[in-house]
Amino acid sequence: MAEQQRTIDGLREANAWSLVSQDVQQSLLRLIDCSTDFIGFADMEGHALYVNAAGREMVGLASMEEARRTLVQSYFDPVDLAYVESTILPEVMRTGQWTGEFRFRHMVTGTIVPVHYSLFLARNAKNEPIGLATITRDLRSMKRVEEERQRLQDEVIRIQAVTLAELSTPLIPISERVVVMPLIGQVDETRAKQVLETLLEGISKRRAAIAILDVTGVSMVDSAVANGLVQAARAVRLLGAQVVLTGIRPEVAGTLVGLGLELDGLVVRGTLQSGIAYAMGSS
């Protein structure tokens, strides 16, 4: 009760609640002290007249007495204080309030506390500024939830990307020594690289002797893609296996010839069926 009375006396000296009965003042203070938000009031010089329990905990004040001895400027990191003095306070004096996300500083640990900061100007009956009041919400829990949500979202996106990559470059075993990769749609440089990686990994893992690369469903084969296919065939040969390229359309054949790519060691068949027949006969 003595501490509440000192707080009330401080507010009365600032002429903030001079028209409110003492019982009402004490009831309001008890109510405010139960809030989980930082609620405080200071004079125009920054001397705290009242800081509720949540506010004291947020910035590392042990008691109301310590709060009165500490300028509210100490609640901010020096870097942020410059913005308070150059932008926030002038805005409050001009419009009566400032609201936005900001940062407080725990004065004991130095921990930066993200907050939703509302600062407004208090006036007396003569409309004269008598102090600054704040209702500030600790955003740490919300930020942790947002970070976890973002982490989970990133993980979902990563898994989706991996799944789509696996679906876009499937490697299907048709015997112990033969695998088939049917390609459908557009093949760009990124997907061509993925084809190579999947082929090499699958051949090594399955000890396959022949990999059939079917491009019947590929919409377009440009120079970069054609070169990527030939490079894949060469890389597969280094593993002691062979690539059978099937589904070559006339325009694709023209691209390969026009590029002057070396097709030595690359078996080409017109259809997937003929490619499978060749592979099964060879294996």
C-alpha atoms as a PDB file:
ATOM      1  CA  MET A   1       0.000   0.000   0.000  1.00  0.00           C
ATOM      2  CA  ALA A   2       2.848   2.399   0.766  1.00  0.00           C
ATOM      3  CA  GLU A   3       4.307   1.878  -2.715  1.00  0.00           C
ATOM      4  CA  GLN A   4       0.922   2.449  -4.341  1.00  0.00           C
ATOM      5  CA  GLN A   5       0.512   5.631  -2.327  1.00  0.00           C
ATOM      6  CA  ARG A   6       3.905   6.918  -3.493  1.00  0.00           C
ATOM      7  CA  THR A   7       2.888   6.186  -7.083  1.00  0.00           C
ATOM      8  CA  ILE A   8      -0.407   7.994  -6.623  1.00  0.00           C
ATOM      9  CA  ASP A   9       1.387  10.943  -5.066  1.00  0.00           C
ATOM     10  CA  GLY A  10       3.698  11.103  -8.069  1.00  0.00           C
ATOM     11  CA  LEU A  11       0.774  11.133 -10.446  1.00  0.00           C
ATOM     12  CA  ARG A  12      -0.973  13.777  -8.396  1.00  0.00           C
ATOM     13  CA  GLU A  13       2.126  15.968  -8.486  1.00  0.00           C
ATOM     14  CA  ALA A  14       2.008  15.735 -12.272  1.00  0.00           C
ATOM     15  CA  ASN A  15      -1.669  16.773 -12.058  1.00  0.00           C
ATOM     16  CA  ALA A  16      -2.645  13.696 -14.085  1.00  0.00           C
ATOM     17  CA  TRP A  17      -5.292  12.254 -11.834  1.00  0.00           C
ATOM     18  CA  SER A  18      -6.049  15.150  -9.539  1.00  0.00           C
ATOM     19  CA  LEU A  19      -9.782  14.871 -10.183  1.00  0.00           C
ATOM     20  CA  VAL A  20      -9.953  11.112  -9.546  1.00  0.00           C
ATOM     21  CA  SER A  21     -10.702   9.794  -6.059  1.00  0.00           C
ATOM     22  CA  GLN A  22      -8.008   7.942  -4.183  1.00  0.00           C
ATOM     23  CA  ASP A  23     -10.019   4.702  -4.069  1.00  0.00           C
ATOM     24  CA  VAL A  24     -10.540   4.773  -7.829  1.00  0.00           C
ATOM     25  CA  GLN A  25      -6.859   5.512  -8.372  1.00  0.00           C
ATOM     26  CA  GLN A  26      -5.825   2.521  -6.269  1.00  0.00           C
ATOM     27  CA  SER A  27      -8.299   0.240  -8.051  1.00  0.00           C
ATOM     28  CA  LEU A  28      -7.007   1.365 -11.423  1.00  0.00           C
ATOM     29  CA  LEU A  29      -3.406   0.816 -10.363  1.00  0.00           C
ATOM     30  CA  ARG A  30      -4.178  -2.719  -9.175  1.00  0.00           C
ATOM     31  CA  LEU A  31      -5.903  -3.416 -12.474  1.00  0.00           C
ATOM     32  CA  ILE A  32      -3.028  -1.966 -14.515  1.00  0.00           C
ATOM     33  CA  ASP A  33      -0.493  -3.926 -12.480  1.00  0.00           C
ATOM     34  CA  CYS A  34      -2.214  -7.160 -13.530  1.00  0.00           C
ATOM     35  CA  SER A  35      -1.733  -6.373 -17.218  1.00  0.00           C
ATOM     36  CA  THR A  36       0.810  -8.409 -19.162  1.00  0.00           C
ATOM     37  CA  ASP A  37       1.613  -5.313 -21.236  1.00  0.00           C
ATOM     38  CA  PHE A  38       4.133  -2.662 -20.216  1.00  0.00           C
ATOM     39  CA  ILE A  39       2.080   0.285 -18.926  1.00  0.00           C
ATOM     40  CA  GLY A  40       3.935   3.331 -17.696  1.00  0.00           C
ATOM     41  CA  PHE A  41       3.858   7.073 -17.217  1.00  0.00           C
ATOM     42  CA  ALA A  42       6.768   9.528 -17.071  1.00  0.00           C
ATOM     43  CA  ASP A  43       7.211  13.271 -16.860  1.00  0.00           C
ATOM     44  CA  MET A  44       8.415  15.279 -19.829  1.00  0.00           C
ATOM     45  CA  GLU A  45      12.060  14.869 -18.769  1.00  0.00           C
ATOM     46  CA  GLY A  46      11.845  11.069 -18.744  1.00  0.00           C
ATOM     47  CA  HIS A  47      11.532  10.440 -14.989  1.00  0.00           C
ATOM     48  CA  ALA A  48       9.227   7.465 -14.471  1.00  0.00           C
ATOM     49  CA  LEU A  49       6.220   8.140 -12.265  1.00  0.00           C
ATOM     50  CA  TYR A  50       4.743   4.691 -12.683  1.00  0.00           C
ATOM     51  CA  VAL A  51       5.760   1.408 -14.357  1.00  0.00           C
ATOM     52  CA  ASN A  52       3.609  -1.674 -13.836  1.00  0.00           C
ATOM     53  CA  ALA A  53       5.003  -5.097 -12.915  1.00  0.00           C
ATOM     54  CA  ALA A  54       5.098  -6.386 -16.501  1.00  0.00           C
ATOM     55  CA  GLY A  55       6.967  -3.273 -17.597  1.00  0.00           C
ATOM     56  CA  ARG A  56       9.529  -3.558 -14.821  1.00  0.00           C
ATOM     57  CA  GLU A  57      10.168  -7.196 -15.681  1.00  0.00           C
ATOM     58  CA  MET A  58      10.495  -6.401 -19.394  1.00  0.00           C
ATOM     59  CA  VAL A  59      13.323  -3.894 -18.920  1.00  0.00           C
ATOM     60  CA  GLY A  60      14.937  -5.379 -15.803  1.00  0.00           C
ATOM     61  CA  LEU A  61      13.755  -3.055 -13.036  1.00  0.00           C
ATOM     62  CA  ALA A  62      13.700  -4.722  -9.620  1.00  0.00           C
ATOM     63  CA  SER A  63      11.172  -2.374  -8.023  1.00  0.00           C
ATOM     64  CA  MET A  64       9.115   0.764  -8.441  1.00  0.00           C
ATOM     65  CA  GLU A  65      11.760   2.633  -6.474  1.00  0.00           C
ATOM     66  CA  GLU A  66      14.406   1.628  -9.005  1.00  0.00           C
ATOM     67  CA  ALA A  67      12.050   2.626 -11.809  1.00  0.00           C
ATOM     68  CA  ARG A  68      11.758   6.129 -10.346  1.00  0.00           C
ATOM     69  CA  ARG A  69      15.542   6.429 -10.198  1.00  0.00           C
ATOM     70  CA  THR A  70      15.963   5.332 -13.818  1.00  0.00           C
ATOM     71  CA  LEU A  71      15.341   7.550 -16.825  1.00  0.00           C
ATOM     72  CA  VAL A  72      13.107   5.941 -19.426  1.00  0.00           C
ATOM     73  CA  GLN A  73      15.829   6.648 -21.992  1.00  0.00           C
ATOM     74  CA  SER A  74      17.667   3.699 -20.402  1.00  0.00           C
ATOM     75  CA  TYR A  75      14.993   1.343 -21.722  1.00  0.00           C
ATOM     76  CA  PHE A  76      16.457   1.678 -25.213  1.00  0.00           C
ATOM     77  CA  ASP A  77      19.647   0.519 -26.875  1.00  0.00           C
ATOM     78  CA  PRO A  78      21.829   3.571 -27.675  1.00  0.00           C
ATOM     79  CA  VAL A  79      21.365   2.959 -31.402  1.00  0.00           C
ATOM     80  CA  ASP A  80      17.578   2.935 -31.013  1.00  0.00           C
ATOM     81  CA  LEU A  81      17.581   5.894 -28.629  1.00  0.00           C
ATOM     82  CA  ALA A  82      18.811   8.122 -31.436  1.00  0.00           C
ATOM     83  CA  TYR A  83      15.687   7.229 -33.432  1.00  0.00           C
ATOM     84  CA  VAL A  84      13.481   7.857 -30.411  1.00  0.00           C
ATOM     85  CA  GLU A  85      14.881  11.345 -29.974  1.00  0.00           C
ATOM     86  CA  SER A  86      15.019  12.260 -33.660  1.00  0.00           C
ATOM     87  CA  THR A  87      11.760  10.743 -34.876  1.00  0.00           C
ATOM     88  CA  ILE A  88       9.412   9.268 -32.276  1.00  0.00           C
ATOM     89  CA  LEU A  89       9.376  12.088 -29.718  1.00  0.00           C
ATOM     90  CA  PRO A  90       8.953  14.847 -32.341  1.00  0.00           C
ATOM     91  CA  GLU A  91       6.048  12.872 -33.817  1.00  0.00           C
ATOM     92  CA  VAL A  92       4.444  12.504 -30.384  1.00  0.00           C
ATOM     93  CA  MET A  93       4.800  16.223 -29.703  1.00  0.00           C
ATOM     94  CA  ARG A  94       3.323  17.032 -33.110  1.00  0.00           C
ATOM     95  CA  THR A  95       0.435  14.558 -33.298  1.00  0.00           C
ATOM     96  CA  GLY A  96       0.041  13.329 -29.734  1.00  0.00           C
ATOM     97  CA  GLN A  97       1.111   9.735 -30.329  1.00  0.00           C
ATOM     98  CA  TRP A  98       3.399   7.250 -32.072  1.00  0.00           C
ATOM     99  CA  THR A  99       2.704   3.548 -32.614  1.00  0.00           C
ATOM    100  CA  GLY A 100       4.784   0.869 -34.270  1.00  0.00           C
ATOM    101  CA  GLU A 101       7.155  -2.059 -33.806  1.00  0.00           C
ATOM    102  CA  PHE A 102      10.275  -1.113 -31.901  1.00  0.00           C
ATOM    103  CA  ARG A 103      12.824  -2.518 -29.444  1.00  0.00           C
ATOM    104  CA  PHE A 104      13.397  -2.219 -25.710  1.00  0.00           C
ATOM    105  CA  ARG A 105      16.524  -3.329 -23.866  1.00  0.00           C
ATOM    106  CA  HIS A 106      16.708  -5.391 -20.677  1.00  0.00           C
ATOM    107  CA  MET A 107      19.036  -3.298 -18.559  1.00  0.00           C
ATOM    108  CA  VAL A 108      20.472  -6.254 -16.610  1.00  0.00           C
ATOM    109  CA  THR A 109      21.085  -8.801 -19.369  1.00  0.00           C
ATOM    110  CA  GLY A 110      21.298  -6.436 -22.333  1.00  0.00           C
ATOM    111  CA  THR A 111      18.761  -8.597 -24.181  1.00  0.00           C
ATOM    112  CA  ILE A 112      16.937  -6.792 -26.973  1.00  0.00           C
ATOM    113  CA  VAL A 113      13.166  -7.128 -26.620  1.00  0.00           C
ATOM    114  CA  PRO A 114      10.997  -6.678 -29.750  1.00  0.00           C
ATOM    115  CA  VAL A 115       7.850  -4.762 -28.833  1.00  0.00           C
ATOM    116  CA  HIS A 116       4.762  -3.102 -30.209  1.00  0.00           C
ATOM    117  CA  TYR A 117       5.350   0.374 -28.827  1.00  0.00           C
ATOM    118  CA  SER A 118       2.574   2.917 -28.281  1.00  0.00           C
ATOM    119  CA  LEU A 119       3.679   6.260 -26.884  1.00  0.00           C
ATOM    120  CA  PHE A 120       1.277   9.115 -26.350  1.00  0.00           C
ATOM    121  CA  LEU A 121       1.254  12.575 -24.846  1.00  0.00           C
ATOM    122  CA  ALA A 122      -0.649  13.245 -21.616  1.00  0.00           C
ATOM    123  CA  ARG A 123      -2.138  16.697 -21.063  1.00  0.00           C
ATOM    124  CA  ASN A 124      -3.746  18.475 -18.120  1.00  0.00           C
ATOM    125  CA  ALA A 125      -7.060  20.288 -18.038  1.00  0.00           C
ATOM    126  CA  LYS A 126      -5.409  23.311 -19.645  1.00  0.00           C
ATOM    127  CA  ASN A 127      -4.236  21.124 -22.537  1.00  0.00           C
ATOM    128  CA  GLU A 128      -0.631  21.520 -21.429  1.00  0.00           C
ATOM    129  CA  PRO A 129       1.757  18.551 -21.882  1.00  0.00           C
ATOM    130  CA  ILE A 130       2.456  16.980 -18.501  1.00  0.00           C
ATOM    131  CA  GLY A 131       4.036  13.665 -19.419  1.00  0.00           C
ATOM    132  CA  LEU A 132       4.395  10.664 -21.676  1.00  0.00           C
ATOM    133  CA  ALA A 133       2.446   7.442 -21.293  1.00  0.00           C
ATOM    134  CA  THR A 134       2.995   4.091 -22.942  1.00  0.00           C
ATOM    135  CA  ILE A 135       1.242   0.793 -23.476  1.00  0.00           C
ATOM    136  CA  THR A 136       3.818  -1.594 -24.909  1.00  0.00           C
ATOM    137  CA  ARG A 137       3.417  -5.257 -25.797  1.00  0.00           C
ATOM    138  CA  ASP A 138       6.224  -7.812 -25.630  1.00  0.00           C
ATOM    139  CA  LEU A 139       6.463  -9.491 -29.050  1.00  0.00           C
ATOM    140  CA  ARG A 140       9.021 -12.164 -28.187  1.00  0.00           C
ATOM    141  CA  SER A 141       6.508 -15.014 -28.008  1.00  0.00           C
ATOM    142  CA  MET A 142       4.840 -13.888 -31.217  1.00  0.00           C
ATOM    143  CA  LYS A 143       8.212 -13.593 -32.968  1.00  0.00           C
ATOM    144  CA  ARG A 144       9.165 -17.104 -31.848  1.00  0.00           C
ATOM    145  CA  VAL A 145       5.893 -18.446 -33.235  1.00  0.00           C
ATOM    146  CA  GLU A 146       6.473 -16.568 -36.502  1.00  0.00           C
ATOM    147  CA  GLU A 147      10.030 -17.893 -36.756  1.00  0.00           C
ATOM    148  CA  GLU A 148       8.853 -21.460 -36.125  1.00  0.00           C
ATOM    149  CA  ARG A 149       6.069 -21.040 -38.678  1.00  0.00           C
ATOM    150  CA  GLN A 150       8.591 -19.726 -41.204  1.00  0.00           C
ATOM    151  CA  ARG A 151      10.953 -22.608 -40.446  1.00  0.00           C
ATOM    152  CA  LEU A 152       8.158 -25.120 -40.983  1.00  0.00           C
ATOM    153  CA  GLN A 153       7.074 -23.359 -44.169  1.00  0.00           C
ATOM    154  CA  ASP A 154      10.638 -23.417 -45.484  1.00  0.00           C
ATOM    155  CA  GLU A 155      10.870 -27.111 -44.635  1.00  0.00           C
ATOM    156  CA  VAL A 156       7.594 -27.839 -46.447  1.00  0.00           C
ATOM    157  CA  ILE A 157       8.841 -25.925 -49.491  1.00  0.00           C
ATOM    158  CA  ARG A 158      12.123 -27.850 -49.379  1.00  0.00           C
ATOM    159  CA  ILE A 159      10.330 -31.195 -49.165  1.00  0.00           C
ATOM    160  CA  GLN A 160       7.990 -30.197 -51.983  1.00  0.00           C
ATOM    161  CA  ALA A 161      10.951 -29.195 -54.122  1.00  0.00           C
ATOM    162  CA  VAL A 162      12.670 -32.525 -53.454  1.00  0.00           C
ATOM    163  CA  THR A 163       9.457 -34.423 -54.195  1.00  0.00           C
ATOM    164  CA  LEU A 164       8.861 -32.521 -57.419  1.00  0.00           C
ATOM    165  CA  ALA A 165      12.472 -33.078 -58.423  1.00  0.00           C
ATOM    166  CA  GLU A 166      12.116 -36.805 -57.847  1.00  0.00           C
ATOM    167  CA  LEU A 167       8.878 -36.869 -59.830  1.00  0.00           C
ATOM    168  CA  SER A 168      10.383 -34.843 -62.663  1.00  0.00           C
ATOM    169  CA  THR A 169      13.372 -37.173 -63.014  1.00  0.00           C
ATOM    170  CA  PRO A 170      12.121 -40.649 -62.048  1.00  0.00           C
ATOM    171  CA  LEU A 171      14.558 -43.540 -62.353  1.00  0.00           C
ATOM    172  CA  ILE A 172      12.646 -46.793 -62.854  1.00  0.00           C
ATOM    173  CA  PRO A 173      14.373 -50.195 -62.630  1.00  0.00           C
ATOM    174  CA  ILE A 174      13.073 -52.705 -65.207  1.00  0.00           C
ATOM    175  CA  SER A 175      15.621 -55.397 -64.386  1.00  0.00           C
ATOM    176  CA  GLU A 176      18.567 -55.856 -62.072  1.00  0.00           C
ATOM    177  CA  ARG A 177      20.899 -54.231 -64.598  1.00  0.00           C
ATOM    178  CA  VAL A 178      18.627 -51.833 -66.528  1.00  0.00           C
ATOM    179  CA  VAL A 179      16.975 -48.573 -65.439  1.00  0.00           C
ATOM    180  CA  VAL A 180      14.738 -46.189 -67.386  1.00  0.00           C
ATOM    181  CA  MET A 181      14.321 -42.440 -66.967  1.00  0.00           C
ATOM    182  CA  PRO A 182      11.318 -41.095 -68.936  1.00  0.00           C
ATOM    183  CA  LEU A 183      11.460 -37.313 -69.280  1.00  0.00           C
ATOM    184  CA  ILE A 184       8.290 -35.295 -69.859  1.00  0.00           C
ATOM    185  CA  GLY A 185       7.768 -31.577 -70.411  1.00  0.00           C
ATOM    186  CA  GLN A 186      10.408 -28.891 -70.568  1.00  0.00           C
ATOM    187  CA  VAL A 187      14.032 -29.604 -69.760  1.00  0.00           C
ATOM    188  CA  ASP A 188      16.082 -26.560 -68.828  1.00  0.00           C
ATOM    189  CA  GLU A 189      19.668 -26.384 -67.601  1.00  0.00           C
ATOM    190  CA  THR A 190      18.614 -26.922 -63.979  1.00  0.00           C
ATOM    191  CA  ARG A 191      16.610 -30.021 -64.799  1.00  0.00           C
ATOM    192  CA  ALA A 192      19.348 -31.326 -67.110  1.00  0.00           C
ATOM    193  CA  LYS A 193      21.772 -31.083 -64.192  1.00  0.00           C
ATOM    194  CA  GLN A 194      19.255 -32.913 -62.033  1.00  0.00           C
ATOM    195  CA  VAL A 195      18.960 -35.643 -64.674  1.00  0.00           C
ATOM    196  CA  LEU A 196      22.710 -36.141 -64.536  1.00  0.00           C
ATOM    197  CA  GLU A 197      22.788 -36.297 -60.726  1.00  0.00           C
ATOM    198  CA  THR A 198      19.876 -38.743 -60.545  1.00  0.00           C
ATOM    199  CA  LEU A 199      21.357 -40.957 -63.259  1.00  0.00           C
ATOM    200  CA  LEU A 200      24.779 -41.161 -61.649  1.00  0.00           C
ATOM    201  CA  GLU A 201      23.396 -41.781 -58.168  1.00  0.00           C
ATOM    202  CA  GLY A 202      20.898 -44.397 -59.390  1.00  0.00           C
ATOM    203  CA  ILE A 203      23.397 -46.268 -61.540  1.00  0.00           C
ATOM    204  CA  SER A 204      25.944 -46.344 -58.738  1.00  0.00           C
ATOM    205  CA  LYS A 205      23.384 -47.449 -56.150  1.00  0.00           C
ATOM    206  CA  ARG A 206      21.746 -50.146 -58.304  1.00  0.00           C
ATOM    207  CA  ARG A 207      24.944 -51.206 -60.108  1.00  0.00           C
ATOM    208  CA  ALA A 208      23.050 -50.828 -63.378  1.00  0.00           C
ATOM    209  CA  ALA A 209      24.800 -51.558 -66.659  1.00  0.00           C
ATOM    210  CA  ILE A 210      22.395 -49.663 -68.923  1.00  0.00           C
ATOM    211  CA  ALA A 211      20.343 -46.500 -68.403  1.00  0.00           C
ATOM    212  CA  ILE A 212      17.607 -45.706 -70.923  1.00  0.00           C
ATOM    213  CA  LEU A 213      16.961 -41.979 -71.242  1.00  0.00           C
ATOM    214  CA  ASP A 214      13.635 -41.504 -73.027  1.00  0.00           C
ATOM    215  CA  VAL A 215      12.941 -37.996 -74.371  1.00  0.00           C
ATOM    216  CA  THR A 216       9.715 -38.803 -76.233  1.00  0.00           C
ATOM    217  CA  GLY A 217       7.734 -36.471 -73.961  1.00  0.00           C
ATOM    218  CA  VAL A 218      10.221 -33.594 -73.931  1.00  0.00           C
ATOM    219  CA  SER A 219       8.606 -30.553 -75.549  1.00  0.00           C
ATOM    220  CA  MET A 220      11.797 -28.883 -76.727  1.00  0.00           C
ATOM    221  CA  VAL A 221      15.487 -29.704 -76.795  1.00  0.00           C
ATOM    222  CA  ASP A 222      17.723 -26.684 -77.274  1.00  0.00           C
ATOM    223  CA  SER A 223      21.494 -26.580 -77.471  1.00  0.00           C
ATOM    224  CA  ALA A 224      21.986 -26.411 -73.689  1.00  0.00           C
ATOM    225  CA  VAL A 225      19.729 -29.400 -73.066  1.00  0.00           C
ATOM    226  CA  ALA A 226      21.239 -31.428 -75.915  1.00  0.00           C
ATOM    227  CA  ASN A 227      24.704 -30.771 -74.587  1.00  0.00           C
ATOM    228  CA  GLY A 228      23.528 -31.760 -71.100  1.00  0.00           C
ATOM    229  CA  LEU A 229      22.216 -35.089 -72.378  1.00  0.00           C
ATOM    230  CA  VAL A 230      25.492 -35.874 -74.105  1.00  0.00           C
ATOM    231  CA  GLN A 231      27.447 -34.885 -70.993  1.00  0.00           C
ATOM    232  CA  ALA A 232      25.222 -37.205 -68.947  1.00  0.00           C
ATOM    233  CA  ALA A 233      26.023 -40.066 -71.305  1.00  0.00           C
ATOM    234  CA  ARG A 234      29.755 -39.416 -70.980  1.00  0.00           C
ATOM    235  CA  ALA A 235      29.546 -39.269 -67.189  1.00  0.00           C
ATOM    236  CA  VAL A 236      27.624 -42.549 -67.089  1.00  0.00           C
ATOM    237  CA  ARG A 237      30.350 -44.211 -69.196  1.00  0.00           C
ATOM    238  CA  LEU A 238      32.867 -43.286 -66.499  1.00  0.00           C
ATOM    239  CA  LEU A 239      30.860 -45.506 -64.139  1.00  0.00           C
ATOM    240  CA  GLY A 240      31.166 -48.392 -66.575  1.00  0.00           C
ATOM    241  CA  ALA A 241      27.558 -48.136 -67.737  1.00  0.00           C
ATOM    242  CA  GLN A 242      25.898 -47.163 -71.007  1.00  0.00           C
ATOM    243  CA  VAL A 243      23.145 -44.693 -71.919  1.00  0.00           C
ATOM    244  CA  VAL A 244      20.501 -45.573 -74.484  1.00  0.00           C
ATOM    245  CA  LEU A 245      18.761 -42.456 -75.788  1.00  0.00           C
ATOM    246  CA  THR A 246      15.232 -43.104 -77.064  1.00  0.00           C
ATOM    247  CA  GLY A 247      12.357 -41.078 -78.475  1.00  0.00           C
ATOM    248  CA  ILE A 248      14.497 -38.809 -80.654  1.00  0.00           C
ATOM    249  CA  ARG A 249      12.251 -36.766 -82.935  1.00  0.00           C
ATOM    250  CA  PRO A 250      13.555 -35.343 -86.241  1.00  0.00           C
ATOM    251  CA  GLU A 251      13.958 -31.810 -84.864  1.00  0.00           C
ATOM    252  CA  VAL A 252      15.892 -33.141 -81.865  1.00  0.00           C
ATOM    253  CA  ALA A 253      18.143 -35.143 -84.162  1.00  0.00           C
ATOM    254  CA  GLY A 254      18.741 -31.983 -86.173  1.00  0.00           C
ATOM    255  CA  THR A 255      19.735 -30.116 -83.010  1.00  0.00           C
ATOM    256  CA  LEU A 256      22.222 -32.804 -82.010  1.00  0.00           C
ATOM    257  CA  VAL A 257      23.786 -32.925 -85.475  1.00  0.00           C
ATOM    258  CA  GLY A 258      23.835 -29.145 -85.832  1.00  0.00           C
ATOM    259  CA  LEU A 259      25.783 -28.810 -82.616  1.00  0.00           C
ATOM    260  CA  GLY A 260      28.378 -31.263 -83.852  1.00  0.00           C
ATOM    261  CA  LEU A 261      28.189 -33.168 -80.571  1.00  0.00           C
ATOM    262  CA  GLU A 262      30.178 -36.366 -80.335  1.00  0.00           C
ATOM    263  CA  LEU A 263      27.706 -39.240 -79.959  1.00  0.00           C
ATOM    264  CA  ASP A 264      30.303 -42.009 -79.773  1.00  0.00           C
ATOM    265  CA  GLY A 265      29.297 -44.576 -77.189  1.00  0.00           C
ATOM    266  CA  LEU A 266      25.726 -43.259 -77.067  1.00  0.00           C
ATOM    267  CA  VAL A 267      23.172 -45.781 -78.370  1.00  0.00           C
ATOM    268  CA  VAL A 268      20.168 -44.132 -80.010  1.00  0.00           C
ATOM    269  CA  ARG A 269      16.840 -45.856 -80.652  1.00  0.00           C
ATOM    270  CA  GLY A 270      13.673 -44.388 -82.133  1.00  0.00           C
ATOM    271  CA  THR A 271      11.242 -45.635 -79.500  1.00  0.00           C
ATOM    272  CA  LEU A 272      11.295 -46.600 -75.854  1.00  0.00           C
ATOM    273  CA  GLN A 273      10.178 -50.118 -76.758  1.00  0.00           C
ATOM    274  CA  SER A 274      13.128 -50.632 -79.103  1.00  0.00           C
ATOM    275  CA  GLY A 275      15.451 -49.173 -76.497  1.00  0.00           C
ATOM    276  CA  ILE A 276      14.182 -51.615 -73.870  1.00  0.00           C
ATOM    277  CA  ALA A 277      14.558 -54.497 -76.314  1.00  0.00           C
ATOM    278  CA  TYR A 278      18.166 -53.475 -76.970  1.00  0.00           C
ATOM    279  CA  ALA A 279      18.934 -53.095 -73.264  1.00  0.00           C
ATOM    280  CA  MET A 280      17.406 -56.424 -72.273  1.00  0.00           C
ATOM    281  CA  GLY A 281      19.263 -58.173 -75.077  1.00  0.00           C
ATOM    282  CA  SER A 282      22.561 -56.570 -74.109  1.00  0.00           C
ATOM    283  CA  SER A 283      22.232 -57.167 -70.383  1.00  0.00           C
END
